[in-house]
Protein backbone atom coordinates (compact mmCIF):
# COMPACT_ATOMS: atom_id res chain seq x y z
CA MET A 1 84.28 42.89 163.81
CA PRO A 2 86.03 40.86 161.11
CA ASP A 3 86.82 37.16 160.96
CA TYR A 4 90.40 35.87 160.68
CA LEU A 5 92.29 32.76 159.64
CA VAL A 6 95.19 32.19 162.02
CA VAL A 7 98.05 29.86 161.08
CA LEU A 8 100.25 28.57 163.89
CA GLU A 9 103.44 26.58 163.60
CA SER A 10 104.31 23.88 166.13
CA ALA A 11 107.17 21.47 166.76
CA TRP A 12 106.36 17.84 167.52
CA ILE A 13 108.87 15.25 168.76
CA ILE A 14 108.35 11.57 167.93
CA LYS A 15 110.55 8.82 169.38
CA ASP A 16 111.23 5.33 167.98
CA VAL A 17 110.31 6.10 164.39
CA LYS A 18 111.83 4.46 161.32
CA SER A 19 110.98 6.78 158.44
CA LEU A 20 110.13 10.37 157.70
CA ASP A 21 106.65 9.50 156.37
CA ASP A 22 105.85 7.55 159.54
CA ALA A 23 107.01 10.47 161.69
CA VAL A 24 104.76 12.96 159.87
CA GLY A 25 101.76 10.62 160.04
CA ILE A 26 102.25 9.93 163.75
CA ALA A 27 102.69 13.64 164.54
CA ILE A 28 99.48 14.59 162.72
CA SER A 29 97.59 11.74 164.37
CA GLU A 30 98.79 12.59 167.89
CA ALA A 31 98.03 16.28 167.43
CA GLY A 32 94.56 15.41 166.13
CA LYS A 33 93.84 13.19 169.13
CA ARG A 34 94.82 15.95 171.55
CA LEU A 35 92.81 18.59 169.68
CA ASN A 36 89.74 16.42 169.04
CA PRO A 37 87.61 16.86 172.16
CA THR A 38 87.99 20.63 172.56
CA ALA A 39 89.25 22.03 169.27
CA LYS A 40 88.30 19.58 166.53
CA TYR A 41 87.78 22.47 164.09
CA VAL A 42 91.56 23.09 163.87
CA GLU A 43 93.07 21.86 160.61
CA ILE A 44 96.44 20.09 160.86
CA GLU A 45 98.99 19.78 158.06
CA ALA A 46 102.67 18.95 157.78
CA GLY A 47 104.69 22.14 157.70
CA MET A 48 106.72 23.11 154.66
CA LEU A 49 109.96 25.10 154.39
CA ALA A 50 111.39 27.02 151.44
CA CYS A 51 114.54 25.50 149.96
CA PRO A 52 117.33 28.11 150.01
CA PHE A 53 118.81 26.78 146.75
CA CYS A 54 115.92 26.00 144.41
CA ASP A 55 113.04 28.00 145.99
CA GLY A 56 111.01 24.77 146.12
CA GLU A 57 109.20 23.46 149.18
CA LEU A 58 110.72 20.94 151.57
CA ASN A 59 109.04 18.84 154.22
CA SER A 60 109.76 20.31 157.67
CA ALA A 61 110.62 17.03 159.37
CA LEU A 62 113.92 15.50 160.37
CA VAL A 63 114.74 11.99 161.62
CA VAL A 64 118.00 11.35 163.48
CA ALA A 65 118.73 8.24 165.57
CA ASN A 66 115.09 7.06 165.32
CA THR A 67 113.87 10.36 166.82
CA ALA A 68 111.96 12.85 164.68
CA LEU A 69 111.26 16.54 164.90
CA VAL A 70 108.18 17.37 162.82
CA GLY A 71 106.94 20.86 162.05
CA LEU A 72 103.15 21.06 161.94
CA GLN A 73 100.94 23.82 160.61
CA LEU A 74 97.70 24.43 162.53
CA GLU A 75 94.93 26.56 160.97
CA MET A 76 91.99 27.96 162.91
CA LYS A 77 89.25 30.39 161.94
CA VAL A 78 88.58 33.04 164.58
CA PHE A 79 85.27 34.84 164.30
CA ARG A 80 84.57 38.43 165.33
CA ALA A 81 87.98 39.33 166.71
CA GLU A 82 88.88 42.95 167.40
CA SER A 83 92.21 42.87 165.54
CA PRO A 84 94.73 40.45 164.01
CA ASP A 85 96.64 40.40 167.32
CA HIS A 86 93.46 39.59 169.21
CA ALA A 87 92.70 36.75 166.77
CA ALA A 88 96.22 35.35 167.23
CA LYS A 89 95.85 35.45 171.03
CA ILE A 90 92.52 33.61 170.83
CA ALA A 91 93.97 30.90 168.56
CA ARG A 92 97.07 30.45 170.73
CA SER A 93 94.88 30.17 173.82
CA VAL A 94 92.48 27.58 172.37
CA ILE A 95 95.16 25.47 170.71
CA GLY A 96 97.63 25.92 173.57
CA LYS A 97 95.15 24.52 176.10
CA ALA A 98 94.76 21.34 174.05
CA LEU A 99 98.44 20.99 173.18
CA ARG A 100 100.12 21.63 176.50
CA ASP A 101 103.94 21.70 176.45
CA VAL A 102 104.03 22.00 172.64
CA PRO A 103 105.75 25.16 171.34
CA LEU A 104 103.49 27.35 169.19
CA GLN A 105 104.36 30.34 167.04
CA VAL A 106 102.04 32.55 165.01
CA LYS A 107 102.99 32.21 161.36
CA ASP A 108 100.24 34.18 159.63
CA VAL A 109 96.96 36.00 160.31
CA CYS A 110 94.67 36.77 157.35
CA GLU A 111 91.35 38.59 157.37
CA LEU A 112 88.53 36.55 155.82
């Protein structure tokens, strides 16, 4: 049974924020606090989007009226899963229990 690296994408809402950098930092910190007791082995990064004009990378965060929507990327290694789909289900289950009411979507599953 192979091991997999599962990458999930999540959306995080932050209220009363002044800048984009603050919003990203707060989102990563809050996600880390909620993941820490049960799933501290999950790596958290700010999500990136491809620019449709220059093919560069853009930060996936937006601040409007002191409210931010931040896209986070969560990476988790899943050991001895039966298939890529099984690994994705395991990761969604573990991360989803810690991050209740946070939307999660599987972005990528790679065999290690």
